[in-house]
Amino acid sequence: MNEKKKYNFNKLLKEFISGNLIHGELIIKNVSFILFIVFLCTIFIAIRNYNEKIIRENATLQKDVEELKTELLFLKASLTNCLRKSEINKQIKNYELNFSINNTPPKIVIVKCQK
């Protein structure tokens, strides 16, 4: 049995080296299997390319999110600065509005009910 395997391997090796194996009946017998393998490889390559595209888009979106977060922080800081009392007073003076600026804090009025 061992000699038969050795003989088949030697015969297969000789046919492969001579080129008869590639053009021979082994390829013809397995054409459907070879086409199936080629189909699977094509699907694998397409899926890999699609995943790479998604990864690139994800990285771009991550950069955009970081830029928008930075812009948000800047806008919050500038809005906070604009809402300060001193900035409001400057704007009133710049536009020459006739508002009086009251520096005294508001007073609490308590009304007692009589029965």
PDB file of N, CA and C in Angstrom:
ATOM      1  N   MET A   1       0.821  -1.183   0.000  1.00  0.00           N
ATOM      2  CA  MET A   1       0.000   0.000   0.000  1.00  0.00           C
ATOM      3  C   MET A   1       0.867   1.249   0.000  1.00  0.00           C
ATOM      4  N   ASN A   2       1.951   1.230   0.764  1.00  0.00           N
ATOM      5  CA  ASN A   2       2.846   2.375   0.849  1.00  0.00           C
ATOM      6  C   ASN A   2       3.532   2.622  -0.489  1.00  0.00           C
ATOM      7  N   GLU A   3       3.860   1.546  -1.208  1.00  0.00           N
ATOM      8  CA  GLU A   3       4.501   1.695  -2.522  1.00  0.00           C
ATOM      9  C   GLU A   3       3.537   2.300  -3.528  1.00  0.00           C
ATOM     10  N   LYS A   4       2.253   1.984  -3.407  1.00  0.00           N
ATOM     11  CA  LYS A   4       1.259   2.519  -4.331  1.00  0.00           C
ATOM     12  C   LYS A   4       1.127   4.030  -4.137  1.00  0.00           C
ATOM     13  N   LYS A   5       1.117   4.504  -2.856  1.00  0.00           N
ATOM     14  CA  LYS A   5       1.051   5.931  -2.584  1.00  0.00           C
ATOM     15  C   LYS A   5       2.300   6.634  -3.106  1.00  0.00           C
ATOM     16  N   LYS A   6       3.436   6.005  -2.900  1.00  0.00           N
ATOM     17  CA  LYS A   6       4.694   6.578  -3.366  1.00  0.00           C
ATOM     18  C   LYS A   6       4.704   6.644  -4.886  1.00  0.00           C
ATOM     19  N   TYR A   7       4.171   5.630  -5.528  1.00  0.00           N
ATOM     20  CA  TYR A   7       4.109   5.606  -6.984  1.00  0.00           C
ATOM     21  C   TYR A   7       3.174   6.701  -7.486  1.00  0.00           C
ATOM     22  N   ASN A   8       2.000   6.860  -6.854  1.00  0.00           N
ATOM     23  CA  ASN A   8       1.052   7.901  -7.257  1.00  0.00           C
ATOM     24  C   ASN A   8       1.641   9.297  -7.058  1.00  0.00           C
ATOM     25  N   PHE A   9       2.358   9.490  -5.962  1.00  0.00           N
ATOM     26  CA  PHE A   9       2.965  10.786  -5.705  1.00  0.00           C
ATOM     27  C   PHE A   9       4.047  11.077  -6.733  1.00  0.00           C
ATOM     28  N   ASN A  10       4.879  10.088  -7.022  1.00  0.00           N
ATOM     29  CA  ASN A  10       5.928  10.267  -8.028  1.00  0.00           C
ATOM     30  C   ASN A  10       5.315  10.545  -9.399  1.00  0.00           C
ATOM     31  N   LYS A  11       4.265   9.828  -9.739  1.00  0.00           N
ATOM     32  CA  LYS A  11       3.602  10.029 -11.022  1.00  0.00           C
ATOM     33  C   LYS A  11       2.997  11.424 -11.081  1.00  0.00           C
ATOM     34  N   LEU A  12       2.381  11.856 -10.006  1.00  0.00           N
ATOM     35  CA  LEU A  12       1.764  13.186  -9.934  1.00  0.00           C
ATOM     36  C   LEU A  12       2.823  14.281 -10.033  1.00  0.00           C
ATOM     37  N   LEU A  13       3.943  14.064  -9.368  1.00  0.00           N
ATOM     38  CA  LEU A  13       5.033  15.038  -9.411  1.00  0.00           C
ATOM     39  C   LEU A  13       5.615  15.141 -10.808  1.00  0.00           C
ATOM     40  N   LYS A  14       5.808  14.018 -11.472  1.00  0.00           N
ATOM     41  CA  LYS A  14       6.343  14.024 -12.846  1.00  0.00           C
ATOM     42  C   LYS A  14       5.378  14.730 -13.793  1.00  0.00           C
ATOM     43  N   GLU A  15       4.086  14.465 -13.651  1.00  0.00           N
ATOM     44  CA  GLU A  15       3.104  15.119 -14.521  1.00  0.00           C
ATOM     45  C   GLU A  15       3.056  16.625 -14.263  1.00  0.00           C
ATOM     46  N   PHE A  16       3.206  17.020 -13.008  1.00  0.00           N
ATOM     47  CA  PHE A  16       3.179  18.442 -12.677  1.00  0.00           C
ATOM     48  C   PHE A  16       4.383  19.171 -13.277  1.00  0.00           C
ATOM     49  N   ILE A  17       5.543  18.548 -13.155  1.00  0.00           N
ATOM     50  CA  ILE A  17       6.765  19.157 -13.695  1.00  0.00           C
ATOM     51  C   ILE A  17       6.718  19.206 -15.214  1.00  0.00           C
ATOM     52  N   SER A  18       6.200  18.203 -15.827  1.00  0.00           N
ATOM     53  CA  SER A  18       6.150  18.171 -17.296  1.00  0.00           C
ATOM     54  C   SER A  18       5.042  19.067 -17.850  1.00  0.00           C
ATOM     55  N   GLY A  19       4.069  19.465 -17.039  1.00  0.00           N
ATOM     56  CA  GLY A  19       2.990  20.317 -17.506  1.00  0.00           C
ATOM     57  C   GLY A  19       1.775  19.553 -17.944  1.00  0.00           C
ATOM     58  N   ASN A  20       1.821  18.264 -17.948  1.00  0.00           N
ATOM     59  CA  ASN A  20       0.671  17.462 -18.361  1.00  0.00           C
ATOM     60  C   ASN A  20      -0.458  17.522 -17.334  1.00  0.00           C
ATOM     61  N   LEU A  21      -0.112  17.750 -16.077  1.00  0.00           N
ATOM     62  CA  LEU A  21      -1.120  17.788 -15.023  1.00  0.00           C
ATOM     63  C   LEU A  21      -2.028  19.002 -15.195  1.00  0.00           C
ATOM     64  N   ILE A  22      -1.451  20.124 -15.581  1.00  0.00           N
ATOM     65  CA  ILE A  22      -2.229  21.346 -15.726  1.00  0.00           C
ATOM     66  C   ILE A  22      -3.187  21.238 -16.909  1.00  0.00           C
ATOM     67  N   HIS A  23      -2.745  20.647 -17.988  1.00  0.00           N
ATOM     68  CA  HIS A  23      -3.587  20.514 -19.169  1.00  0.00           C
ATOM     69  C   HIS A  23      -4.347  19.195 -19.184  1.00  0.00           C
ATOM     70  N   GLY A  24      -4.096  18.411 -18.212  1.00  0.00           N
ATOM     71  CA  GLY A  24      -4.661  17.059 -18.229  1.00  0.00           C
ATOM     72  C   GLY A  24      -6.071  16.989 -17.691  1.00  0.00           C
ATOM     73  N   GLU A  25      -6.437  15.773 -17.398  1.00  0.00           N
ATOM     74  CA  GLU A  25      -7.807  15.476 -17.011  1.00  0.00           C
ATOM     75  C   GLU A  25      -8.132  15.934 -15.584  1.00  0.00           C
ATOM     76  N   LEU A  26      -7.127  16.210 -14.748  1.00  0.00           N
ATOM     77  CA  LEU A  26      -7.384  16.657 -13.378  1.00  0.00           C
ATOM     78  C   LEU A  26      -8.095  18.013 -13.386  1.00  0.00           C
ATOM     79  N   ILE A  27      -7.660  18.907 -14.237  1.00  0.00           N
ATOM     80  CA  ILE A  27      -8.290  20.229 -14.346  1.00  0.00           C
ATOM     81  C   ILE A  27      -9.685  20.092 -14.951  1.00  0.00           C
ATOM     82  N   ILE A  28      -9.823  19.295 -15.946  1.00  0.00           N
ATOM     83  CA  ILE A  28     -11.113  19.132 -16.618  1.00  0.00           C
ATOM     84  C   ILE A  28     -12.142  18.523 -15.669  1.00  0.00           C
ATOM     85  N   LYS A  29     -11.729  17.598 -14.843  1.00  0.00           N
ATOM     86  CA  LYS A  29     -12.643  16.964 -13.904  1.00  0.00           C
ATOM     87  C   LYS A  29     -13.124  17.943 -12.826  1.00  0.00           C
ATOM     88  N   ASN A  30     -12.289  18.906 -12.488  1.00  0.00           N
ATOM     89  CA  ASN A  30     -12.593  19.793 -11.362  1.00  0.00           C
ATOM     90  C   ASN A  30     -12.895  21.232 -11.790  1.00  0.00           C
ATOM     91  N   VAL A  31     -13.386  21.430 -12.991  1.00  0.00           N
ATOM     92  CA  VAL A  31     -13.668  22.784 -13.480  1.00  0.00           C
ATOM     93  C   VAL A  31     -14.719  23.467 -12.604  1.00  0.00           C
ATOM     94  N   SER A  32     -15.753  22.762 -12.229  1.00  0.00           N
ATOM     95  CA  SER A  32     -16.810  23.369 -11.410  1.00  0.00           C
ATOM     96  C   SER A  32     -16.266  23.790 -10.045  1.00  0.00           C
ATOM     97  N   PHE A  33     -15.418  22.962  -9.455  1.00  0.00           N
ATOM     98  CA  PHE A  33     -14.830  23.301  -8.167  1.00  0.00           C
ATOM     99  C   PHE A  33     -13.900  24.508  -8.295  1.00  0.00           C
ATOM    100  N   ILE A  34     -13.111  24.549  -9.349  1.00  0.00           N
ATOM    101  CA  ILE A  34     -12.194  25.672  -9.567  1.00  0.00           C
ATOM    102  C   ILE A  34     -12.985  26.967  -9.768  1.00  0.00           C
ATOM    103  N   LEU A  35     -14.059  26.907 -10.529  1.00  0.00           N
ATOM    104  CA  LEU A  35     -14.897  28.093 -10.719  1.00  0.00           C
ATOM    105  C   LEU A  35     -15.540  28.537  -9.397  1.00  0.00           C
ATOM    106  N   PHE A  36     -15.919  27.590  -8.572  1.00  0.00           N
ATOM    107  CA  PHE A  36     -16.475  27.915  -7.266  1.00  0.00           C
ATOM    108  C   PHE A  36     -15.436  28.629  -6.400  1.00  0.00           C
ATOM    109  N   ILE A  37     -14.207  28.150  -6.407  1.00  0.00           N
ATOM    110  CA  ILE A  37     -13.122  28.780  -5.648  1.00  0.00           C
ATOM    111  C   ILE A  37     -12.861  30.196  -6.168  1.00  0.00           C
ATOM    112  N   VAL A  38     -12.861  30.379  -7.482  1.00  0.00           N
ATOM    113  CA  VAL A  38     -12.659  31.707  -8.072  1.00  0.00           C
ATOM    114  C   VAL A  38     -13.801  32.642  -7.661  1.00  0.00           C
ATOM    115  N   PHE A  39     -15.023  32.135  -7.655  1.00  0.00           N
ATOM    116  CA  PHE A  39     -16.184  32.925  -7.232  1.00  0.00           C
ATOM    117  C   PHE A  39     -16.043  33.353  -5.773  1.00  0.00           C
ATOM    118  N   LEU A  40     -15.634  32.430  -4.907  1.00  0.00           N
ATOM    119  CA  LEU A  40     -15.450  32.767  -3.495  1.00  0.00           C
ATOM    120  C   LEU A  40     -14.354  33.813  -3.303  1.00  0.00           C
ATOM    121  N   CYS A  41     -13.271  33.693  -4.052  1.00  0.00           N
ATOM    122  CA  CYS A  41     -12.188  34.678  -3.963  1.00  0.00           C
ATOM    123  C   CYS A  41     -12.662  36.061  -4.409  1.00  0.00           C
ATOM    124  N   THR A  42     -13.470  36.092  -5.470  1.00  0.00           N
ATOM    125  CA  THR A  42     -14.005  37.368  -5.950  1.00  0.00           C
ATOM    126  C   THR A  42     -14.903  38.000  -4.899  1.00  0.00           C
ATOM    127  N   ILE A  43     -15.754  37.207  -4.282  1.00  0.00           N
ATOM    128  CA  ILE A  43     -16.634  37.719  -3.218  1.00  0.00           C
ATOM    129  C   ILE A  43     -15.797  38.230  -2.047  1.00  0.00           C
ATOM    130  N   PHE A  44     -14.778  37.502  -1.677  1.00  0.00           N
ATOM    131  CA  PHE A  44     -13.908  37.900  -0.569  1.00  0.00           C
ATOM    132  C   PHE A  44     -13.243  39.244  -0.857  1.00  0.00           C
ATOM    133  N   ILE A  45     -12.732  39.425  -2.057  1.00  0.00           N
ATOM    134  CA  ILE A  45     -12.080  40.684  -2.427  1.00  0.00           C
ATOM    135  C   ILE A  45     -13.084  41.834  -2.418  1.00  0.00           C
ATOM    136  N   ALA A  46     -14.290  41.604  -2.912  1.00  0.00           N
ATOM    137  CA  ALA A  46     -15.314  42.657  -2.930  1.00  0.00           C
ATOM    138  C   ALA A  46     -15.698  43.068  -1.512  1.00  0.00           C
ATOM    139  N   ILE A  47     -15.858  42.109  -0.630  1.00  0.00           N
ATOM    140  CA  ILE A  47     -16.218  42.420   0.757  1.00  0.00           C
ATOM    141  C   ILE A  47     -15.089  43.178   1.443  1.00  0.00           C
ATOM    142  N   ARG A  48     -13.857  42.802   1.191  1.00  0.00           N
ATOM    143  CA  ARG A  48     -12.716  43.495   1.788  1.00  0.00           C
ATOM    144  C   ARG A  48     -12.663  44.950   1.330  1.00  0.00           C
ATOM    145  N   ASN A  49     -12.870  45.184   0.029  1.00  0.00           N
ATOM    146  CA  ASN A  49     -12.856  46.546  -0.486  1.00  0.00           C
ATOM    147  C   ASN A  49     -13.990  47.375   0.103  1.00  0.00           C
ATOM    148  N   TYR A  50     -15.158  46.775   0.248  1.00  0.00           N
ATOM    149  CA  TYR A  50     -16.296  47.482   0.832  1.00  0.00           C
ATOM    150  C   TYR A  50     -16.005  47.852   2.282  1.00  0.00           C
ATOM    151  N   ASN A  51     -15.417  46.944   3.041  1.00  0.00           N
ATOM    152  CA  ASN A  51     -15.076  47.225   4.439  1.00  0.00           C
ATOM    153  C   ASN A  51     -14.027  48.319   4.551  1.00  0.00           C
ATOM    154  N   GLU A  52     -13.041  48.328   3.667  1.00  0.00           N
ATOM    155  CA  GLU A  52     -12.031  49.384   3.685  1.00  0.00           C
ATOM    156  C   GLU A  52     -12.662  50.740   3.400  1.00  0.00           C
ATOM    157  N   LYS A  53     -13.621  50.775   2.483  1.00  0.00           N
ATOM    158  CA  LYS A  53     -14.320  52.017   2.168  1.00  0.00           C
ATOM    159  C   LYS A  53     -15.076  52.518   3.396  1.00  0.00           C
ATOM    160  N   ILE A  54     -15.750  51.629   4.092  1.00  0.00           N
ATOM    161  CA  ILE A  54     -16.499  52.024   5.289  1.00  0.00           C
ATOM    162  C   ILE A  54     -15.553  52.526   6.372  1.00  0.00           C
ATOM    163  N   ILE A  55     -14.411  51.888   6.525  1.00  0.00           N
ATOM    164  CA  ILE A  55     -13.443  52.312   7.534  1.00  0.00           C
ATOM    165  C   ILE A  55     -12.920  53.712   7.211  1.00  0.00           C
ATOM    166  N   ARG A  56     -12.639  53.982   5.919  1.00  0.00           N
ATOM    167  CA  ARG A  56     -12.184  55.332   5.530  1.00  0.00           C
ATOM    168  C   ARG A  56     -13.259  56.378   5.808  1.00  0.00           C
ATOM    169  N   GLU A  57     -14.511  56.058   5.490  1.00  0.00           N
ATOM    170  CA  GLU A  57     -15.605  56.999   5.756  1.00  0.00           C
ATOM    171  C   GLU A  57     -15.765  57.235   7.251  1.00  0.00           C
ATOM    172  N   ASN A  58     -15.610  56.184   8.038  1.00  0.00           N
ATOM    173  CA  ASN A  58     -15.715  56.303   9.484  1.00  0.00           C
ATOM    174  C   ASN A  58     -14.627  57.225  10.034  1.00  0.00           C
ATOM    175  N   ALA A  59     -13.415  57.091   9.535  1.00  0.00           N
ATOM    176  CA  ALA A  59     -12.324  57.957   9.987  1.00  0.00           C
ATOM    177  C   ALA A  59     -12.604  59.411   9.621  1.00  0.00           C
ATOM    178  N   THR A  60     -13.127  59.644   8.420  1.00  0.00           N
ATOM    179  CA  THR A  60     -13.458  61.004   8.001  1.00  0.00           C
ATOM    180  C   THR A  60     -14.543  61.599   8.902  1.00  0.00           C
ATOM    181  N   LEU A  61     -15.551  60.793   9.206  1.00  0.00           N
ATOM    182  CA  LEU A  61     -16.622  61.272  10.072  1.00  0.00           C
ATOM    183  C   LEU A  61     -16.125  61.551  11.493  1.00  0.00           C
ATOM    184  N   GLN A  62     -15.197  60.749  11.965  1.00  0.00           N
ATOM    185  CA  GLN A  62     -14.621  60.992  13.292  1.00  0.00           C
ATOM    186  C   GLN A  62     -13.888  62.338  13.326  1.00  0.00           C
ATOM    187  N   LYS A  63     -13.146  62.653  12.258  1.00  0.00           N
ATOM    188  CA  LYS A  63     -12.459  63.944  12.183  1.00  0.00           C
ATOM    189  C   LYS A  63     -13.471  65.081  12.160  1.00  0.00           C
ATOM    190  N   ASP A  64     -14.550  64.912  11.410  1.00  0.00           N
ATOM    191  CA  ASP A  64     -15.584  65.943  11.350  1.00  0.00           C
ATOM    192  C   ASP A  64     -16.223  66.168  12.715  1.00  0.00           C
ATOM    193  N   VAL A  65     -16.468  65.096  13.438  1.00  0.00           N
ATOM    194  CA  VAL A  65     -17.062  65.211  14.774  1.00  0.00           C
ATOM    195  C   VAL A  65     -16.126  65.976  15.702  1.00  0.00           C
ATOM    196  N   GLU A  66     -14.844  65.691  15.642  1.00  0.00           N
ATOM    197  CA  GLU A  66     -13.878  66.399  16.487  1.00  0.00           C
ATOM    198  C   GLU A  66     -13.851  67.889  16.151  1.00  0.00           C
ATOM    199  N   GLU A  67     -13.893  68.217  14.849  1.00  0.00           N
ATOM    200  CA  GLU A  67     -13.910  69.623  14.447  1.00  0.00           C
ATOM    201  C   GLU A  67     -15.172  70.321  14.940  1.00  0.00           C
ATOM    202  N   LEU A  68     -16.311  69.634  14.851  1.00  0.00           N
ATOM    203  CA  LEU A  68     -17.562  70.230  15.310  1.00  0.00           C
ATOM    204  C   LEU A  68     -17.583  70.410  16.832  1.00  0.00           C
ATOM    205  N   LYS A  69     -16.972  69.480  17.558  1.00  0.00           N
ATOM    206  CA  LYS A  69     -16.880  69.643  19.012  1.00  0.00           C
ATOM    207  C   LYS A  69     -16.044  70.866  19.366  1.00  0.00           C
ATOM    208  N   THR A  70     -14.944  71.057  18.645  1.00  0.00           N
ATOM    209  CA  THR A  70     -14.094  72.212  18.881  1.00  0.00           C
ATOM    210  C   THR A  70     -14.854  73.502  18.584  1.00  0.00           C
ATOM    211  N   GLU A  71     -15.577  73.524  17.484  1.00  0.00           N
ATOM    212  CA  GLU A  71     -16.360  74.699  17.119  1.00  0.00           C
ATOM    213  C   GLU A  71     -17.443  74.972  18.165  1.00  0.00           C
ATOM    214  N   LEU A  72     -18.069  73.926  18.680  1.00  0.00           N
ATOM    215  CA  LEU A  72     -19.084  74.079  19.714  1.00  0.00           C
ATOM    216  C   LEU A  72     -18.501  74.734  20.960  1.00  0.00           C
ATOM    217  N   LEU A  73     -17.346  74.271  21.391  1.00  0.00           N
ATOM    218  CA  LEU A  73     -16.708  74.854  22.574  1.00  0.00           C
ATOM    219  C   LEU A  73     -16.373  76.328  22.350  1.00  0.00           C
ATOM    220  N   PHE A  74     -15.891  76.657  21.161  1.00  0.00           N
ATOM    221  CA  PHE A  74     -15.564  78.045  20.839  1.00  0.00           C
ATOM    222  C   PHE A  74     -16.818  78.909  20.876  1.00  0.00           C
ATOM    223  N   LEU A  75     -17.911  78.426  20.289  1.00  0.00           N
ATOM    224  CA  LEU A  75     -19.152  79.198  20.265  1.00  0.00           C
ATOM    225  C   LEU A  75     -19.745  79.361  21.664  1.00  0.00           C
ATOM    226  N   LYS A  76     -19.644  78.341  22.492  1.00  0.00           N
ATOM    227  CA  LYS A  76     -20.123  78.452  23.868  1.00  0.00           C
ATOM    228  C   LYS A  76     -19.341  79.506  24.637  1.00  0.00           C
ATOM    229  N   ALA A  77     -18.023  79.497  24.444  1.00  0.00           N
ATOM    230  CA  ALA A  77     -17.185  80.469  25.144  1.00  0.00           C
ATOM    231  C   ALA A  77     -17.502  81.890  24.687  1.00  0.00           C
ATOM    232  N   SER A  78     -17.667  82.086  23.382  1.00  0.00           N
ATOM    233  CA  SER A  78     -17.966  83.432  22.887  1.00  0.00           C
ATOM    234  C   SER A  78     -19.358  83.879  23.327  1.00  0.00           C
ATOM    235  N   LEU A  79     -20.331  82.978  23.370  1.00  0.00           N
ATOM    236  CA  LEU A  79     -21.670  83.328  23.837  1.00  0.00           C
ATOM    237  C   LEU A  79     -21.645  83.692  25.317  1.00  0.00           C
ATOM    238  N   THR A  80     -20.905  82.942  26.103  1.00  0.00           N
ATOM    239  CA  THR A  80     -20.776  83.250  27.524  1.00  0.00           C
ATOM    240  C   THR A  80     -20.149  84.619  27.716  1.00  0.00           C
ATOM    241  N   ASN A  81     -19.169  84.917  26.894  1.00  0.00           N
ATOM    242  CA  ASN A  81     -18.512  86.223  26.974  1.00  0.00           C
ATOM    243  C   ASN A  81     -19.482  87.339  26.601  1.00  0.00           C
ATOM    244  N   CYS A  82     -20.317  87.123  25.595  1.00  0.00           N
ATOM    245  CA  CYS A  82     -21.275  88.145  25.151  1.00  0.00           C
ATOM    246  C   CYS A  82     -22.379  88.380  26.178  1.00  0.00           C
ATOM    247  N   LEU A  83     -22.690  87.413  26.994  1.00  0.00           N
ATOM    248  CA  LEU A  83     -23.767  87.543  27.957  1.00  0.00           C
ATOM    249  C   LEU A  83     -23.325  88.117  29.300  1.00  0.00           C
ATOM    250  N   ARG A  84     -22.073  88.464  29.425  1.00  0.00           N
ATOM    251  CA  ARG A  84     -21.612  89.097  30.659  1.00  0.00           C
ATOM    252  C   ARG A  84     -22.209  90.504  30.757  1.00  0.00           C
ATOM    253  N   LYS A  85     -22.387  90.937  31.978  1.00  0.00           N
ATOM    254  CA  LYS A  85     -23.010  92.235  32.205  1.00  0.00           C
ATOM    255  C   LYS A  85     -22.170  93.361  31.619  1.00  0.00           C
ATOM    256  N   SER A  86     -20.870  93.265  31.754  1.00  0.00           N
ATOM    257  CA  SER A  86     -20.006  94.326  31.218  1.00  0.00           C
ATOM    258  C   SER A  86     -20.081  94.394  29.693  1.00  0.00           C
ATOM    259  N   GLU A  87     -20.181  93.242  29.041  1.00  0.00           N
ATOM    260  CA  GLU A  87     -20.308  93.235  27.575  1.00  0.00           C
ATOM    261  C   GLU A  87     -21.649  93.801  27.138  1.00  0.00           C
ATOM    262  N   ILE A  88     -22.690  93.501  27.884  1.00  0.00           N
ATOM    263  CA  ILE A  88     -24.010  94.056  27.560  1.00  0.00           C
ATOM    264  C   ILE A  88     -23.980  95.570  27.708  1.00  0.00           C
ATOM    265  N   ASN A  89     -23.331  96.058  28.757  1.00  0.00           N
ATOM    266  CA  ASN A  89     -23.216  97.506  28.952  1.00  0.00           C
ATOM    267  C   ASN A  89     -22.455  98.163  27.800  1.00  0.00           C
ATOM    268  N   LYS A  90     -21.403  97.508  27.320  1.00  0.00           N
ATOM    269  CA  LYS A  90     -20.643  98.050  26.185  1.00  0.00           C
ATOM    270  C   LYS A  90     -21.510  98.137  24.938  1.00  0.00           C
ATOM    271  N   GLN A  91     -22.304  97.090  24.704  1.00  0.00           N
ATOM    272  CA  GLN A  91     -23.170  97.084  23.526  1.00  0.00           C
ATOM    273  C   GLN A  91     -24.241  98.166  23.622  1.00  0.00           C
ATOM    274  N   ILE A  92     -24.768  98.392  24.810  1.00  0.00           N
ATOM    275  CA  ILE A  92     -25.766  99.448  24.988  1.00  0.00           C
ATOM    276  C   ILE A  92     -25.142 100.801  24.677  1.00  0.00           C
ATOM    277  N   LYS A  93     -23.917 101.009  25.136  1.00  0.00           N
ATOM    278  CA  LYS A  93     -23.238 102.280  24.860  1.00  0.00           C
ATOM    279  C   LYS A  93     -22.888 102.418  23.383  1.00  0.00           C
ATOM    280  N   ASN A  94     -22.479 101.326  22.743  1.00  0.00           N
ATOM    281  CA  ASN A  94     -22.110 101.386  21.322  1.00  0.00           C
ATOM    282  C   ASN A  94     -23.294 101.743  20.434  1.00  0.00           C
ATOM    283  N   TYR A  95     -24.449 101.174  20.736  1.00  0.00           N
ATOM    284  CA  TYR A  95     -25.629 101.433  19.911  1.00  0.00           C
ATOM    285  C   TYR A  95     -26.422 102.647  20.392  1.00  0.00           C
ATOM    286  N   GLU A  96     -25.935 103.315  21.426  1.00  0.00           N
ATOM    287  CA  GLU A  96     -26.539 104.533  21.980  1.00  0.00           C
ATOM    288  C   GLU A  96     -28.019 104.337  22.303  1.00  0.00           C
ATOM    289  N   LEU A  97     -28.285 103.262  22.976  1.00  0.00           N
ATOM    290  CA  LEU A  97     -29.653 102.978  23.411  1.00  0.00           C
ATOM    291  C   LEU A  97     -29.948 103.744  24.692  1.00  0.00           C
ATOM    292  N   ASN A  98     -31.180 104.116  24.903  1.00  0.00           N
ATOM    293  CA  ASN A  98     -31.562 104.907  26.067  1.00  0.00           C
ATOM    294  C   ASN A  98     -32.016 104.018  27.217  1.00  0.00           C
ATOM    295  N   PHE A  99     -31.172 103.115  27.576  1.00  0.00           N
ATOM    296  CA  PHE A  99     -31.460 102.263  28.718  1.00  0.00           C
ATOM    297  C   PHE A  99     -30.644 102.758  29.892  1.00  0.00           C
ATOM    298  N   SER A 100     -31.241 102.668  31.043  1.00  0.00           N
ATOM    299  CA  SER A 100     -30.476 103.008  32.240  1.00  0.00           C
ATOM    300  C   SER A 100     -29.950 101.708  32.844  1.00  0.00           C
ATOM    301  N   ILE A 101     -28.734 101.747  33.245  1.00  0.00           N
ATOM    302  CA  ILE A 101     -28.094 100.571  33.818  1.00  0.00           C
ATOM    303  C   ILE A 101     -28.234 100.649  35.323  1.00  0.00           C
ATOM    304  N   ASN A 102     -28.891  99.690  35.883  1.00  0.00           N
ATOM    305  CA  ASN A 102     -29.128  99.659  37.314  1.00  0.00           C
ATOM    306  C   ASN A 102     -28.095  98.755  37.956  1.00  0.00           C
ATOM    307  N   ASN A 103     -27.316  99.302  38.868  1.00  0.00           N
ATOM    308  CA  ASN A 103     -26.273  98.509  39.529  1.00  0.00           C
ATOM    309  C   ASN A 103     -26.706  97.996  40.895  1.00  0.00           C
ATOM    310  N   THR A 104     -27.897  98.385  41.347  1.00  0.00           N
ATOM    311  CA  THR A 104     -28.377  97.890  42.637  1.00  0.00           C
ATOM    312  C   THR A 104     -29.110  96.574  42.424  1.00  0.00           C
ATOM    313  N   PRO A 105     -28.941  95.650  43.335  1.00  0.00           N
ATOM    314  CA  PRO A 105     -29.622  94.362  43.165  1.00  0.00           C
ATOM    315  C   PRO A 105     -31.123  94.527  43.364  1.00  0.00           C
ATOM    316  N   PRO A 106     -31.887  93.623  42.803  1.00  0.00           N
ATOM    317  CA  PRO A 106     -33.338  93.727  42.965  1.00  0.00           C
ATOM    318  C   PRO A 106     -33.750  93.474  44.418  1.00  0.00           C
ATOM    319  N   LYS A 107     -34.866  94.105  44.808  1.00  0.00           N
ATOM    320  CA  LYS A 107     -35.369  93.951  46.171  1.00  0.00           C
ATOM    321  C   LYS A 107     -36.536  92.976  46.144  1.00  0.00           C
ATOM    322  N   ILE A 108     -36.656  92.227  47.211  1.00  0.00           N
ATOM    323  CA  ILE A 108     -37.740  91.267  47.328  1.00  0.00           C
ATOM    324  C   ILE A 108     -38.895  91.954  48.050  1.00  0.00           C
ATOM    325  N   VAL A 109     -40.040  91.898  47.459  1.00  0.00           N
ATOM    326  CA  VAL A 109     -41.243  92.509  48.047  1.00  0.00           C
ATOM    327  C   VAL A 109     -42.097  91.394  48.623  1.00  0.00           C
ATOM    328  N   ILE A 110     -42.389  91.510  49.896  1.00  0.00           N
ATOM    329  CA  ILE A 110     -43.235  90.502  50.553  1.00  0.00           C
ATOM    330  C   ILE A 110     -44.560  91.180  50.888  1.00  0.00           C
ATOM    331  N   VAL A 111     -45.624  90.610  50.435  1.00  0.00           N
ATOM    332  CA  VAL A 111     -46.952  91.140  50.713  1.00  0.00           C
ATOM    333  C   VAL A 111     -47.634  90.213  51.705  1.00  0.00           C
ATOM    334  N   LYS A 112     -48.090  90.824  52.816  1.00  0.00           N
ATOM    335  CA  LYS A 112     -48.777  90.040  53.824  1.00  0.00           C
ATOM    336  C   LYS A 112     -50.262  90.173  53.601  1.00  0.00           C
ATOM    337  N   CYS A 113     -50.903  89.072  53.633  1.00  0.00           N
ATOM    338  CA  CYS A 113     -52.351  89.061  53.434  1.00  0.00           C
ATOM    339  C   CYS A 113     -53.062  89.318  54.759  1.00  0.00           C
ATOM    340  N   GLN A 114     -54.067  90.139  54.717  1.00  0.00           N
ATOM    341  CA  GLN A 114     -54.853  90.393  55.925  1.00  0.00           C
ATOM    342  C   GLN A 114     -56.144  89.591  55.864  1.00  0.00           C
ATOM    343  N   LYS A 115     -56.506  89.033  56.997  1.00  0.00           N
ATOM    344  CA  LYS A 115     -57.718  88.236  57.038  1.00  0.00           C
ATOM    345  C   LYS A 115     -58.821  88.984  57.675  1.00  0.00           C
TER     346      LYS A 115
END
